[in-house]
Amino acid sequence: MIHQGSCHCQSVVFEVEAPETIEAVYCNCSICTKSGYLHLIVPLSKFKLKQGSDMLITYTFNTGVAKHTFCKICGIKPFYTPRSNPDGVDINVHCLDTSGLSVVITEFDGAHWEQHGHTLSHLSKEQ
């Protein structure tokens, strides 16, 4: 199924191919907790940026592998390149526009990323 998504001001618009029922990950690391991010990690081939590449700014920290992209107008982070899956893309489920979205949430201990990060690496692989 193709899910449509956007930032709050709709300057950044994207689509992602994912099952009708989204299997999302809630992470308790500092950046995810403070931003309220709910993760859907997919292979890059399942993602398409339709509008707004010029509206994105990038923030990195720690190892610099994760590329946190934000809309420079409204400040929302609709997707980013995750450290656990640099070959994929991580969609903020809260930014999907699909009405009646069914979501199953799994918790991830990102506060202890070094011990648990490897458990997410399979999510960006083609199935």
PDB file of N, CA and C in Angstrom:
ATOM      1  N   MET A   1       0.847  -1.176   0.000  1.00  0.00           N
ATOM      2  CA  MET A   1       0.000   0.000   0.000  1.00  0.00           C
ATOM      3  C   MET A   1       0.894   1.241   0.000  1.00  0.00           C
ATOM      4  N   ILE A   2       0.479   2.274  -0.720  1.00  0.00           N
ATOM      5  CA  ILE A   2       1.200   3.544  -0.747  1.00  0.00           C
ATOM      6  C   ILE A   2       0.555   4.485   0.257  1.00  0.00           C
ATOM      7  N   HIS A   3       1.369   4.963   1.218  1.00  0.00           N
ATOM      8  CA  HIS A   3       0.926   5.924   2.223  1.00  0.00           C
ATOM      9  C   HIS A   3       1.505   7.284   1.849  1.00  0.00           C
ATOM     10  N   GLN A   4       0.693   8.308   1.908  1.00  0.00           N
ATOM     11  CA  GLN A   4       1.122   9.677   1.651  1.00  0.00           C
ATOM     12  C   GLN A   4       1.498  10.322   2.980  1.00  0.00           C
ATOM     13  N   GLY A   5       2.457  11.239   2.935  1.00  0.00           N
ATOM     14  CA  GLY A   5       2.850  11.938   4.148  1.00  0.00           C
ATOM     15  C   GLY A   5       3.385  13.313   3.844  1.00  0.00           C
ATOM     16  N   SER A   6       3.524  14.097   4.907  1.00  0.00           N
ATOM     17  CA  SER A   6       4.031  15.459   4.741  1.00  0.00           C
ATOM     18  C   SER A   6       4.446  16.025   6.097  1.00  0.00           C
ATOM     19  N   CYS A   7       5.142  17.150   6.030  1.00  0.00           N
ATOM     20  CA  CYS A   7       5.416  17.925   7.234  1.00  0.00           C
ATOM     21  C   CYS A   7       4.134  18.702   7.559  1.00  0.00           C
ATOM     22  N   HIS A   8       4.151  19.496   8.607  1.00  0.00           N
ATOM     23  CA  HIS A   8       2.947  20.212   9.027  1.00  0.00           C
ATOM     24  C   HIS A   8       2.487  21.251   8.005  1.00  0.00           C
ATOM     25  N   CYS A   9       3.420  21.999   7.433  1.00  0.00           N
ATOM     26  CA  CYS A   9       3.046  23.057   6.482  1.00  0.00           C
ATOM     27  C   CYS A   9       2.878  22.533   5.055  1.00  0.00           C
ATOM     28  N   GLN A  10       3.160  21.258   4.857  1.00  0.00           N
ATOM     29  CA  GLN A  10       3.052  20.566   3.567  1.00  0.00           C
ATOM     30  C   GLN A  10       4.016  21.076   2.511  1.00  0.00           C
ATOM     31  N   SER A  11       5.111  21.680   2.956  1.00  0.00           N
ATOM     32  CA  SER A  11       6.172  22.038   2.019  1.00  0.00           C
ATOM     33  C   SER A  11       6.956  20.806   1.601  1.00  0.00           C
ATOM     34  N   VAL A  12       7.036  19.828   2.513  1.00  0.00           N
ATOM     35  CA  VAL A  12       7.711  18.561   2.242  1.00  0.00           C
ATOM     36  C   VAL A  12       6.640  17.486   2.132  1.00  0.00           C
ATOM     37  N   VAL A  13       6.576  16.836   0.968  1.00  0.00           N
ATOM     38  CA  VAL A  13       5.567  15.811   0.706  1.00  0.00           C
ATOM     39  C   VAL A  13       6.281  14.561   0.228  1.00  0.00           C
ATOM     40  N   PHE A  14       5.851  13.401   0.735  1.00  0.00           N
ATOM     41  CA  PHE A  14       6.488  12.138   0.366  1.00  0.00           C
ATOM     42  C   PHE A  14       5.449  11.025   0.306  1.00  0.00           C
ATOM     43  N   GLU A  15       5.880   9.891  -0.206  1.00  0.00           N
ATOM     44  CA  GLU A  15       5.063   8.684  -0.137  1.00  0.00           C
ATOM     45  C   GLU A  15       5.961   7.519   0.228  1.00  0.00           C
ATOM     46  N   VAL A  16       5.377   6.532   0.870  1.00  0.00           N
ATOM     47  CA  VAL A  16       6.118   5.352   1.290  1.00  0.00           C
ATOM     48  C   VAL A  16       5.257   4.120   1.052  1.00  0.00           C
ATOM     49  N   GLU A  17       5.898   3.080   0.538  1.00  0.00           N
ATOM     50  CA  GLU A  17       5.214   1.811   0.352  1.00  0.00           C
ATOM     51  C   GLU A  17       5.412   0.988   1.611  1.00  0.00           C
ATOM     52  N   ALA A  18       4.299   0.619   2.237  1.00  0.00           N
ATOM     53  CA  ALA A  18       4.337  -0.156   3.475  1.00  0.00           C
ATOM     54  C   ALA A  18       3.011  -0.905   3.602  1.00  0.00           C
ATOM     55  N   PRO A  19       2.972  -1.908   4.454  1.00  0.00           N
ATOM     56  CA  PRO A  19       1.716  -2.642   4.642  1.00  0.00           C
ATOM     57  C   PRO A  19       0.591  -1.733   5.132  1.00  0.00           C
ATOM     58  N   GLU A  20      -0.628  -2.184   4.973  1.00  0.00           N
ATOM     59  CA  GLU A  20      -1.780  -1.412   5.433  1.00  0.00           C
ATOM     60  C   GLU A  20      -1.695  -1.179   6.940  1.00  0.00           C
ATOM     61  N   THR A  21      -1.321  -2.219   7.691  1.00  0.00           N
ATOM     62  CA  THR A  21      -1.075  -2.078   9.120  1.00  0.00           C
ATOM     63  C   THR A  21       0.408  -1.800   9.315  1.00  0.00           C
ATOM     64  N   ILE A  22       0.703  -0.637   9.852  1.00  0.00           N
ATOM     65  CA  ILE A  22       2.086  -0.197  10.052  1.00  0.00           C
ATOM     66  C   ILE A  22       2.646  -0.831  11.327  1.00  0.00           C
ATOM     67  N   GLU A  23       3.834  -1.404  11.215  1.00  0.00           N
ATOM     68  CA  GLU A  23       4.553  -1.897  12.383  1.00  0.00           C
ATOM     69  C   GLU A  23       5.590  -0.841  12.737  1.00  0.00           C
ATOM     70  N   ALA A  24       5.269  -0.042  13.747  1.00  0.00           N
ATOM     71  CA  ALA A  24       6.098   1.097  14.131  1.00  0.00           C
ATOM     72  C   ALA A  24       6.920   0.779  15.374  1.00  0.00           C
ATOM     73  N   VAL A  25       7.990   1.545  15.541  1.00  0.00           N
ATOM     74  CA  VAL A  25       8.880   1.383  16.686  1.00  0.00           C
ATOM     75  C   VAL A  25       8.904   2.681  17.485  1.00  0.00           C
ATOM     76  N   TYR A  26       8.655   2.571  18.795  1.00  0.00           N
ATOM     77  CA  TYR A  26       8.773   3.705  19.709  1.00  0.00           C
ATOM     78  C   TYR A  26      10.141   3.608  20.376  1.00  0.00           C
ATOM     79  N   CYS A  27      10.940   4.656  20.251  1.00  0.00           N
ATOM     80  CA  CYS A  27      12.300   4.674  20.782  1.00  0.00           C
ATOM     81  C   CYS A  27      12.389   5.659  21.946  1.00  0.00           C
ATOM     82  N   ASN A  28      13.117   5.274  22.995  1.00  0.00           N
ATOM     83  CA  ASN A  28      13.243   6.127  24.177  1.00  0.00           C
ATOM     84  C   ASN A  28      14.561   6.903  24.234  1.00  0.00           C
ATOM     85  N   CYS A  29      15.262   7.032  23.102  1.00  0.00           N
ATOM     86  CA  CYS A  29      16.500   7.820  23.112  1.00  0.00           C
ATOM     87  C   CYS A  29      16.150   9.301  23.256  1.00  0.00           C
ATOM     88  N   SER A  30      17.159  10.119  23.500  1.00  0.00           N
ATOM     89  CA  SER A  30      16.917  11.531  23.796  1.00  0.00           C
ATOM     90  C   SER A  30      16.247  12.289  22.652  1.00  0.00           C
ATOM     91  N   ILE A  31      16.694  12.101  21.417  1.00  0.00           N
ATOM     92  CA  ILE A  31      16.116  12.887  20.314  1.00  0.00           C
ATOM     93  C   ILE A  31      14.704  12.421  19.958  1.00  0.00           C
ATOM     94  N   CYS A  32      14.464  11.109  20.006  1.00  0.00           N
ATOM     95  CA  CYS A  32      13.125  10.593  19.682  1.00  0.00           C
ATOM     96  C   CYS A  32      12.116  10.971  20.753  1.00  0.00           C
ATOM     97  N   THR A  33      12.537  10.898  22.014  1.00  0.00           N
ATOM     98  CA  THR A  33      11.654  11.258  23.120  1.00  0.00           C
ATOM     99  C   THR A  33      11.278  12.734  23.032  1.00  0.00           C
ATOM    100  N   LYS A  34      12.265  13.584  22.809  1.00  0.00           N
ATOM    101  CA  LYS A  34      11.987  15.026  22.782  1.00  0.00           C
ATOM    102  C   LYS A  34      11.187  15.451  21.550  1.00  0.00           C
ATOM    103  N   SER A  35      11.341  14.725  20.440  1.00  0.00           N
ATOM    104  CA  SER A  35      10.620  15.114  19.218  1.00  0.00           C
ATOM    105  C   SER A  35       9.322  14.341  19.018  1.00  0.00           C
ATOM    106  N   GLY A  36       9.058  13.312  19.819  1.00  0.00           N
ATOM    107  CA  GLY A  36       7.828  12.539  19.675  1.00  0.00           C
ATOM    108  C   GLY A  36       7.795  11.707  18.402  1.00  0.00           C
ATOM    109  N   TYR A  37       8.943  11.219  17.985  1.00  0.00           N
ATOM    110  CA  TYR A  37       9.072  10.481  16.732  1.00  0.00           C
ATOM    111  C   TYR A  37       8.578   9.047  16.882  1.00  0.00           C
ATOM    112  N   LEU A  38       7.826   8.558  15.918  1.00  0.00           N
ATOM    113  CA  LEU A  38       7.367   7.169  15.864  1.00  0.00           C
ATOM    114  C   LEU A  38       7.874   6.577  14.550  1.00  0.00           C
ATOM    115  N   HIS A  39       8.711   5.548  14.627  1.00  0.00           N
ATOM    116  CA  HIS A  39       9.508   5.047  13.514  1.00  0.00           C
ATOM    117  C   HIS A  39       8.841   3.990  12.638  1.00  0.00           C
ATOM    118  N   LEU A  40       9.011   4.162  11.340  1.00  0.00           N
ATOM    119  CA  LEU A  40       8.728   3.143  10.329  1.00  0.00           C
ATOM    120  C   LEU A  40       9.950   3.115   9.414  1.00  0.00           C
ATOM    121  N   ILE A  41      10.811   2.117   9.599  1.00  0.00           N
ATOM    122  CA  ILE A  41      12.034   2.018   8.796  1.00  0.00           C
ATOM    123  C   ILE A  41      11.767   1.125   7.595  1.00  0.00           C
ATOM    124  N   VAL A  42      12.099   1.635   6.401  1.00  0.00           N
ATOM    125  CA  VAL A  42      11.873   0.903   5.155  1.00  0.00           C
ATOM    126  C   VAL A  42      13.101   1.013   4.259  1.00  0.00           C
ATOM    127  N   PRO A  43      13.219   0.105   3.278  1.00  0.00           N
ATOM    128  CA  PRO A  43      14.284   0.256   2.278  1.00  0.00           C
ATOM    129  C   PRO A  43      14.091   1.573   1.519  1.00  0.00           C
ATOM    130  N   LEU A  44      15.172   2.177   1.107  1.00  0.00           N
ATOM    131  CA  LEU A  44      15.107   3.438   0.373  1.00  0.00           C
ATOM    132  C   LEU A  44      14.238   3.318  -0.883  1.00  0.00           C
ATOM    133  N   SER A  45      14.207   2.139  -1.488  1.00  0.00           N
ATOM    134  CA  SER A  45      13.407   1.926  -2.704  1.00  0.00           C
ATOM    135  C   SER A  45      11.902   2.047  -2.447  1.00  0.00           C
ATOM    136  N   LYS A  46      11.475   2.014  -1.199  1.00  0.00           N
ATOM    137  CA  LYS A  46      10.045   2.103  -0.846  1.00  0.00           C
ATOM    138  C   LYS A  46       9.626   3.544  -0.533  1.00  0.00           C
ATOM    139  N   PHE A  47      10.559   4.470  -0.665  1.00  0.00           N
ATOM    140  CA  PHE A  47      10.323   5.867  -0.313  1.00  0.00           C
ATOM    141  C   PHE A  47      10.489   6.764  -1.522  1.00  0.00           C
ATOM    142  N   LYS A  48       9.625   7.765  -1.634  1.00  0.00           N
ATOM    143  CA  LYS A  48       9.754   8.742  -2.715  1.00  0.00           C
ATOM    144  C   LYS A  48       9.445  10.135  -2.166  1.00  0.00           C
ATOM    145  N   LEU A  49      10.422  11.036  -2.275  1.00  0.00           N
ATOM    146  CA  LEU A  49      10.206  12.436  -1.922  1.00  0.00           C
ATOM    147  C   LEU A  49       9.545  13.094  -3.124  1.00  0.00           C
ATOM    148  N   LYS A  50       8.326  13.557  -2.960  1.00  0.00           N
ATOM    149  CA  LYS A  50       7.569  14.125  -4.064  1.00  0.00           C
ATOM    150  C   LYS A  50       7.740  15.639  -4.184  1.00  0.00           C
ATOM    151  N   GLN A  51       8.050  16.288  -3.077  1.00  0.00           N
ATOM    152  CA  GLN A  51       8.151  17.746  -3.094  1.00  0.00           C
ATOM    153  C   GLN A  51       8.921  18.208  -1.860  1.00  0.00           C
ATOM    154  N   GLY A  52       9.738  19.231  -2.019  1.00  0.00           N
ATOM    155  CA  GLY A  52      10.321  19.919  -0.884  1.00  0.00           C
ATOM    156  C   GLY A  52      11.759  19.606  -0.528  1.00  0.00           C
ATOM    157  N   SER A  53      12.519  19.014  -1.432  1.00  0.00           N
ATOM    158  CA  SER A  53      13.920  18.733  -1.092  1.00  0.00           C
ATOM    159  C   SER A  53      14.666  20.018  -0.720  1.00  0.00           C
ATOM    160  N   ASP A  54      14.271  21.128  -1.320  1.00  0.00           N
ATOM    161  CA  ASP A  54      14.904  22.411  -1.020  1.00  0.00           C
ATOM    162  C   ASP A  54      14.416  23.021   0.293  1.00  0.00           C
ATOM    163  N   MET A  55      13.423  22.409   0.918  1.00  0.00           N
ATOM    164  CA  MET A  55      12.878  22.884   2.191  1.00  0.00           C
ATOM    165  C   MET A  55      13.459  22.133   3.388  1.00  0.00           C
ATOM    166  N   LEU A  56      14.339  21.160   3.131  1.00  0.00           N
ATOM    167  CA  LEU A  56      14.886  20.327   4.201  1.00  0.00           C
ATOM    168  C   LEU A  56      16.229  20.840   4.694  1.00  0.00           C
ATOM    169  N   ILE A  57      16.419  20.786   6.006  1.00  0.00           N
ATOM    170  CA  ILE A  57      17.718  21.038   6.619  1.00  0.00           C
ATOM    171  C   ILE A  57      18.100  19.773   7.387  1.00  0.00           C
ATOM    172  N   THR A  58      19.379  19.572   7.594  1.00  0.00           N
ATOM    173  CA  THR A  58      19.868  18.345   8.213  1.00  0.00           C
ATOM    174  C   THR A  58      20.620  18.647   9.501  1.00  0.00           C
ATOM    175  N   TYR A  59      20.347  17.820  10.500  1.00  0.00           N
ATOM    176  CA  TYR A  59      21.024  17.897  11.786  1.00  0.00           C
ATOM    177  C   TYR A  59      21.688  16.550  12.056  1.00  0.00           C
ATOM    178  N   THR A  60      22.949  16.572  12.488  1.00  0.00           N
ATOM    179  CA  THR A  60      23.655  15.351  12.876  1.00  0.00           C
ATOM    180  C   THR A  60      24.292  15.572  14.247  1.00  0.00           C
ATOM    181  N   PHE A  61      24.541  14.478  14.941  1.00  0.00           N
ATOM    182  CA  PHE A  61      25.236  14.549  16.222  1.00  0.00           C
ATOM    183  C   PHE A  61      25.926  13.217  16.466  1.00  0.00           C
ATOM    184  N   ASN A  62      26.682  13.125  17.525  1.00  0.00           N
ATOM    185  CA  ASN A  62      27.382  11.909  17.934  1.00  0.00           C
ATOM    186  C   ASN A  62      28.225  11.367  16.777  1.00  0.00           C
ATOM    187  N   THR A  63      27.862  10.214  16.182  1.00  0.00           N
ATOM    188  CA  THR A  63      28.678   9.604  15.129  1.00  0.00           C
ATOM    189  C   THR A  63      28.499  10.292  13.776  1.00  0.00           C
ATOM    190  N   GLY A  64      27.434  11.063  13.600  1.00  0.00           N
ATOM    191  CA  GLY A  64      27.173  11.743  12.338  1.00  0.00           C
ATOM    192  C   GLY A  64      26.577  10.853  11.258  1.00  0.00           C
ATOM    193  N   VAL A  65      26.320   9.580  11.578  1.00  0.00           N
ATOM    194  CA  VAL A  65      25.755   8.660  10.582  1.00  0.00           C
ATOM    195  C   VAL A  65      24.288   8.978  10.317  1.00  0.00           C
ATOM    196  N   ALA A  66      23.529   9.197  11.371  1.00  0.00           N
ATOM    197  CA  ALA A  66      22.113   9.548  11.201  1.00  0.00           C
ATOM    198  C   ALA A  66      22.008  10.956  10.645  1.00  0.00           C
ATOM    199  N   LYS A  67      21.163  11.126   9.656  1.00  0.00           N
ATOM    200  CA  LYS A  67      20.931  12.431   9.034  1.00  0.00           C
ATOM    201  C   LYS A  67      19.482  12.827   9.324  1.00  0.00           C
ATOM    202  N   HIS A  68      19.297  13.640  10.364  1.00  0.00           N
ATOM    203  CA  HIS A  68      17.961  14.058  10.788  1.00  0.00           C
ATOM    204  C   HIS A  68      17.530  15.232   9.920  1.00  0.00           C
ATOM    205  N   THR A  69      16.490  15.038   9.124  1.00  0.00           N
ATOM    206  CA  THR A  69      16.029  16.067   8.194  1.00  0.00           C
ATOM    207  C   THR A  69      14.753  16.722   8.720  1.00  0.00           C
ATOM    208  N   PHE A  70      14.750  18.038   8.698  1.00  0.00           N
ATOM    209  CA  PHE A  70      13.640  18.836   9.197  1.00  0.00           C
ATOM    210  C   PHE A  70      13.180  19.807   8.123  1.00  0.00           C
ATOM    211  N   CYS A  71      11.886  20.103   8.109  1.00  0.00           N
ATOM    212  CA  CYS A  71      11.380  21.171   7.253  1.00  0.00           C
ATOM    213  C   CYS A  71      11.852  22.489   7.839  1.00  0.00           C
ATOM    214  N   LYS A  72      12.480  23.321   7.017  1.00  0.00           N
ATOM    215  CA  LYS A  72      12.997  24.586   7.532  1.00  0.00           C
ATOM    216  C   LYS A  72      11.912  25.641   7.726  1.00  0.00           C
ATOM    217  N   ILE A  73      10.687  25.337   7.326  1.00  0.00           N
ATOM    218  CA  ILE A  73       9.586  26.277   7.566  1.00  0.00           C
ATOM    219  C   ILE A  73       8.857  25.935   8.865  1.00  0.00           C
ATOM    220  N   CYS A  74       8.370  24.685   9.003  1.00  0.00           N
ATOM    221  CA  CYS A  74       7.564  24.335  10.186  1.00  0.00           C
ATOM    222  C   CYS A  74       8.339  23.561  11.251  1.00  0.00           C
ATOM    223  N   GLY A  75       9.551  23.072  10.932  1.00  0.00           N
ATOM    224  CA  GLY A  75      10.383  22.396  11.914  1.00  0.00           C
ATOM    225  C   GLY A  75      10.085  20.928  12.140  1.00  0.00           C
ATOM    226  N   ILE A  76       9.145  20.378  11.401  1.00  0.00           N
ATOM    227  CA  ILE A  76       8.775  18.967  11.574  1.00  0.00           C
ATOM    228  C   ILE A  76       9.816  18.067  10.913  1.00  0.00           C
ATOM    229  N   LYS A  77      10.073  16.904  11.552  1.00  0.00           N
ATOM    230  CA  LYS A  77      10.993  15.894  11.004  1.00  0.00           C
ATOM    231  C   LYS A  77      10.147  14.752  10.443  1.00  0.00           C
ATOM    232  N   PRO A  78       9.802  14.800   9.147  1.00  0.00           N
ATOM    233  CA  PRO A  78       8.920  13.774   8.584  1.00  0.00           C
ATOM    234  C   PRO A  78       9.632  12.452   8.276  1.00  0.00           C
ATOM    235  N   PHE A  79      10.934  12.491   8.061  1.00  0.00           N
ATOM    236  CA  PHE A  79      11.714  11.291   7.775  1.00  0.00           C
ATOM    237  C   PHE A  79      13.184  11.630   7.975  1.00  0.00           C
ATOM    238  N   TYR A  80      14.019  10.588   8.056  1.00  0.00           N
ATOM    239  CA  TYR A  80      15.456  10.808   8.157  1.00  0.00           C
ATOM    240  C   TYR A  80      16.204   9.527   7.820  1.00  0.00           C
ATOM    241  N   THR A  81      17.513   9.634   7.692  1.00  0.00           N
ATOM    242  CA  THR A  81      18.378   8.471   7.478  1.00  0.00           C
ATOM    243  C   THR A  81      18.844   8.005   8.853  1.00  0.00           C
ATOM    244  N   PRO A  82      18.419   6.806   9.280  1.00  0.00           N
ATOM    245  CA  PRO A  82      18.761   6.358  10.630  1.00  0.00           C
ATOM    246  C   PRO A  82      20.147   5.743  10.733  1.00  0.00           C
ATOM    247  N   ARG A  83      20.748   5.895  11.883  1.00  0.00           N
ATOM    248  CA  ARG A  83      22.052   5.293  12.150  1.00  0.00           C
ATOM    249  C   ARG A  83      21.976   3.768  12.036  1.00  0.00           C
ATOM    250  N   SER A  84      20.881   3.181  12.485  1.00  0.00           N
ATOM    251  CA  SER A  84      20.737   1.725  12.448  1.00  0.00           C
ATOM    252  C   SER A  84      20.576   1.188  11.033  1.00  0.00           C
ATOM    253  N   ASN A  85      20.104   2.017  10.121  1.00  0.00           N
ATOM    254  CA  ASN A  85      19.807   1.610   8.756  1.00  0.00           C
ATOM    255  C   ASN A  85      20.192   2.713   7.780  1.00  0.00           C
ATOM    256  N   PRO A  86      21.489   3.006   7.623  1.00  0.00           N
ATOM    257  CA  PRO A  86      21.888   4.104   6.740  1.00  0.00           C
ATOM    258  C   PRO A  86      21.574   3.839   5.270  1.00  0.00           C
ATOM    259  N   ASP A  87      21.204   2.609   4.939  1.00  0.00           N
ATOM    260  CA  ASP A  87      20.809   2.261   3.573  1.00  0.00           C
ATOM    261  C   ASP A  87      19.306   2.385   3.367  1.00  0.00           C
ATOM    262  N   GLY A  88      18.589   2.825   4.392  1.00  0.00           N
ATOM    263  CA  GLY A  88      17.136   2.944   4.315  1.00  0.00           C
ATOM    264  C   GLY A  88      16.679   4.336   4.695  1.00  0.00           C
ATOM    265  N   VAL A  89      15.403   4.432   4.989  1.00  0.00           N
ATOM    266  CA  VAL A  89      14.819   5.699   5.424  1.00  0.00           C
ATOM    267  C   VAL A  89      13.858   5.398   6.571  1.00  0.00           C
ATOM    268  N   ASP A  90      13.800   6.305   7.510  1.00  0.00           N
ATOM    269  CA  ASP A  90      12.939   6.162   8.681  1.00  0.00           C
ATOM    270  C   ASP A  90      11.848   7.224   8.600  1.00  0.00           C
ATOM    271  N   ILE A  91      10.626   6.769   8.486  1.00  0.00           N
ATOM    272  CA  ILE A  91       9.465   7.643   8.331  1.00  0.00           C
ATOM    273  C   ILE A  91       8.861   7.925   9.699  1.00  0.00           C
ATOM    274  N   ASN A  92       8.480   9.167   9.957  1.00  0.00           N
ATOM    275  CA  ASN A  92       7.743   9.492  11.172  1.00  0.00           C
ATOM    276  C   ASN A  92       6.278   9.146  10.924  1.00  0.00           C
ATOM    277  N   VAL A  93       5.800   8.089  11.562  1.00  0.00           N
ATOM    278  CA  VAL A  93       4.425   7.624  11.359  1.00  0.00           C
ATOM    279  C   VAL A  93       3.426   8.747  11.642  1.00  0.00           C
ATOM    280  N   HIS A  94       3.766   9.653  12.552  1.00  0.00           N
ATOM    281  CA  HIS A  94       2.876  10.778  12.858  1.00  0.00           C
ATOM    282  C   HIS A  94       2.702  11.714  11.670  1.00  0.00           C
ATOM    283  N   CYS A  95       3.572  11.613  10.664  1.00  0.00           N
ATOM    284  CA  CYS A  95       3.483  12.474   9.480  1.00  0.00           C
ATOM    285  C   CYS A  95       2.751  11.824   8.313  1.00  0.00           C
ATOM    286  N   LEU A  96       2.279  10.603   8.486  1.00  0.00           N
ATOM    287  CA  LEU A  96       1.501   9.957   7.426  1.00  0.00           C
ATOM    288  C   LEU A  96       0.099  10.539   7.407  1.00  0.00           C
ATOM    289  N   ASP A  97      -0.411  10.810   6.201  1.00  0.00           N
ATOM    290  CA  ASP A  97      -1.708  11.455   6.041  1.00  0.00           C
ATOM    291  C   ASP A  97      -2.856  10.467   5.884  1.00  0.00           C
ATOM    292  N   THR A  98      -2.550   9.190   5.875  1.00  0.00           N
ATOM    293  CA  THR A  98      -3.574   8.173   5.663  1.00  0.00           C
ATOM    294  C   THR A  98      -4.565   8.183   6.823  1.00  0.00           C
ATOM    295  N   SER A  99      -5.851   8.386   6.499  1.00  0.00           N
ATOM    296  CA  SER A  99      -6.858   8.378   7.560  1.00  0.00           C
ATOM    297  C   SER A  99      -7.165   6.938   7.953  1.00  0.00           C
ATOM    298  N   GLY A 100      -7.484   6.733   9.203  1.00  0.00           N
ATOM    299  CA  GLY A 100      -7.816   5.398   9.688  1.00  0.00           C
ATOM    300  C   GLY A 100      -6.629   4.464   9.723  1.00  0.00           C
ATOM    301  N   LEU A 101      -5.442   5.003   9.836  1.00  0.00           N
ATOM    302  CA  LEU A 101      -4.221   4.219   9.837  1.00  0.00           C
ATOM    303  C   LEU A 101      -4.196   3.263  11.024  1.00  0.00           C
ATOM    304  N   SER A 102      -3.883   2.002  10.750  1.00  0.00           N
ATOM    305  CA  SER A 102      -3.744   0.996  11.802  1.00  0.00           C
ATOM    306  C   SER A 102      -2.256   0.833  12.103  1.00  0.00           C
ATOM    307  N   VAL A 103      -1.883   1.002  13.379  1.00  0.00           N
ATOM    308  CA  VAL A 103      -0.479   0.975  13.776  1.00  0.00           C
ATOM    309  C   VAL A 103      -0.289   0.020  14.954  1.00  0.00           C
ATOM    310  N   VAL A 104       0.708  -0.858  14.829  1.00  0.00           N
ATOM    311  CA  VAL A 104       1.134  -1.719  15.913  1.00  0.00           C
ATOM    312  C   VAL A 104       2.496  -1.195  16.360  1.00  0.00           C
ATOM    313  N   ILE A 105       2.641  -0.897  17.661  1.00  0.00           N
ATOM    314  CA  ILE A 105       3.865  -0.267  18.165  1.00  0.00           C
ATOM    315  C   ILE A 105       4.682  -1.244  19.013  1.00  0.00           C
ATOM    316  N   THR A 106       5.985  -1.305  18.706  1.00  0.00           N
ATOM    317  CA  THR A 106       6.951  -2.074  19.473  1.00  0.00           C
ATOM    318  C   THR A 106       7.908  -1.093  20.121  1.00  0.00           C
ATOM    319  N   GLU A 107       8.284  -1.341  21.369  1.00  0.00           N
ATOM    320  CA  GLU A 107       9.227  -0.457  22.045  1.00  0.00           C
ATOM    321  C   GLU A 107      10.662  -0.880  21.767  1.00  0.00           C
ATOM    322  N   PHE A 108      11.542   0.130  21.641  1.00  0.00           N
ATOM    323  CA  PHE A 108      12.964  -0.083  21.398  1.00  0.00           C
ATOM    324  C   PHE A 108      13.756   0.733  22.414  1.00  0.00           C
ATOM    325  N   ASP A 109      14.742   0.126  23.042  1.00  0.00           N
ATOM    326  CA  ASP A 109      15.548   0.802  24.052  1.00  0.00           C
ATOM    327  C   ASP A 109      16.695   1.564  23.394  1.00  0.00           C
ATOM    328  N   GLY A 110      16.356   2.683  22.789  1.00  0.00           N
ATOM    329  CA  GLY A 110      17.352   3.522  22.129  1.00  0.00           C
ATOM    330  C   GLY A 110      18.208   4.315  23.098  1.00  0.00           C
ATOM    331  N   ALA A 111      17.774   4.402  24.353  1.00  0.00           N
ATOM    332  CA  ALA A 111      18.588   5.071  25.363  1.00  0.00           C
ATOM    333  C   ALA A 111      19.888   4.297  25.574  1.00  0.00           C
ATOM    334  N   HIS A 112      19.872   3.021  25.239  1.00  0.00           N
ATOM    335  CA  HIS A 112      21.060   2.157  25.303  1.00  0.00           C
ATOM    336  C   HIS A 112      21.356   1.637  23.894  1.00  0.00           C
ATOM    337  N   TRP A 113      21.484   2.583  22.945  1.00  0.00           N
ATOM    338  CA  TRP A 113      21.602   2.280  21.522  1.00  0.00           C
ATOM    339  C   TRP A 113      22.741   1.322  21.210  1.00  0.00           C
ATOM    340  N   GLU A 114      23.878   1.508  21.811  1.00  0.00           N
ATOM    341  CA  GLU A 114      25.048   0.670  21.504  1.00  0.00           C
ATOM    342  C   GLU A 114      24.762  -0.807  21.750  1.00  0.00           C
ATOM    343  N   GLN A 115      23.929  -1.115  22.711  1.00  0.00           N
ATOM    344  CA  GLN A 115      23.601  -2.507  23.037  1.00  0.00           C
ATOM    345  C   GLN A 115      22.476  -3.063  22.174  1.00  0.00           C
ATOM    346  N   HIS A 116      21.606  -2.192  21.637  1.00  0.00           N
ATOM    347  CA  HIS A 116      20.401  -2.665  20.960  1.00  0.00           C
ATOM    348  C   HIS A 116      20.262  -2.249  19.495  1.00  0.00           C
ATOM    349  N   GLY A 117      21.095  -1.341  19.009  1.00  0.00           N
ATOM    350  CA  GLY A 117      20.965  -0.820  17.642  1.00  0.00           C
ATOM    351  C   GLY A 117      20.937  -1.891  16.567  1.00  0.00           C
ATOM    352  N   HIS A 118      21.706  -2.941  16.750  1.00  0.00           N
ATOM    353  CA  HIS A 118      21.781  -4.012  15.743  1.00  0.00           C
ATOM    354  C   HIS A 118      20.439  -4.721  15.529  1.00  0.00           C
ATOM    355  N   THR A 119      19.519  -4.636  16.490  1.00  0.00           N
ATOM    356  CA  THR A 119      18.240  -5.345  16.356  1.00  0.00           C
ATOM    357  C   THR A 119      17.317  -4.704  15.327  1.00  0.00           C
ATOM    358  N   LEU A 120      17.690  -3.535  14.812  1.00  0.00           N
ATOM    359  CA  LEU A 120      16.868  -2.845  13.810  1.00  0.00           C
ATOM    360  C   LEU A 120      17.406  -2.971  12.392  1.00  0.00           C
ATOM    361  N   SER A 121      18.604  -3.493  12.238  1.00  0.00           N
ATOM    362  CA  SER A 121      19.285  -3.467  10.924  1.00  0.00           C
ATOM    363  C   SER A 121      18.534  -4.195   9.822  1.00  0.00           C
ATOM    364  N   HIS A 122      17.693  -5.134  10.139  1.00  0.00           N
ATOM    365  CA  HIS A 122      16.954  -5.889   9.117  1.00  0.00           C
ATOM    366  C   HIS A 122      15.807  -5.088   8.490  1.00  0.00           C
ATOM    367  N   LEU A 123      15.399  -3.990   9.108  1.00  0.00           N
ATOM    368  CA  LEU A 123      14.217  -3.277   8.663  1.00  0.00           C
ATOM    369  C   LEU A 123      14.363  -2.579   7.310  1.00  0.00           C
ATOM    370  N   SER A 124      15.580  -2.273   6.894  1.00  0.00           N
ATOM    371  CA  SER A 124      15.774  -1.587   5.608  1.00  0.00           C
ATOM    372  C   SER A 124      16.106  -2.551   4.482  1.00  0.00           C
ATOM    373  N   LYS A 125      16.035  -3.831   4.741  1.00  0.00           N
ATOM    374  CA  LYS A 125      16.345  -4.845   3.717  1.00  0.00           C
ATOM    375  C   LYS A 125      15.091  -5.153   2.895  1.00  0.00           C
ATOM    376  N   GLU A 126      15.279  -5.340   1.613  1.00  0.00           N
ATOM    377  CA  GLU A 126      14.171  -5.704   0.718  1.00  0.00           C
ATOM    378  C   GLU A 126      13.628  -7.068   1.139  1.00  0.00           C
ATOM    379  N   GLN A 127      12.313  -7.199   1.105  1.00  0.00           N
ATOM    380  CA  GLN A 127      11.698  -8.480   1.478  1.00  0.00           C
ATOM    381  C   GLN A 127      10.989  -9.092   0.298  1.00  0.00           C
TER     382      GLN A 127
END
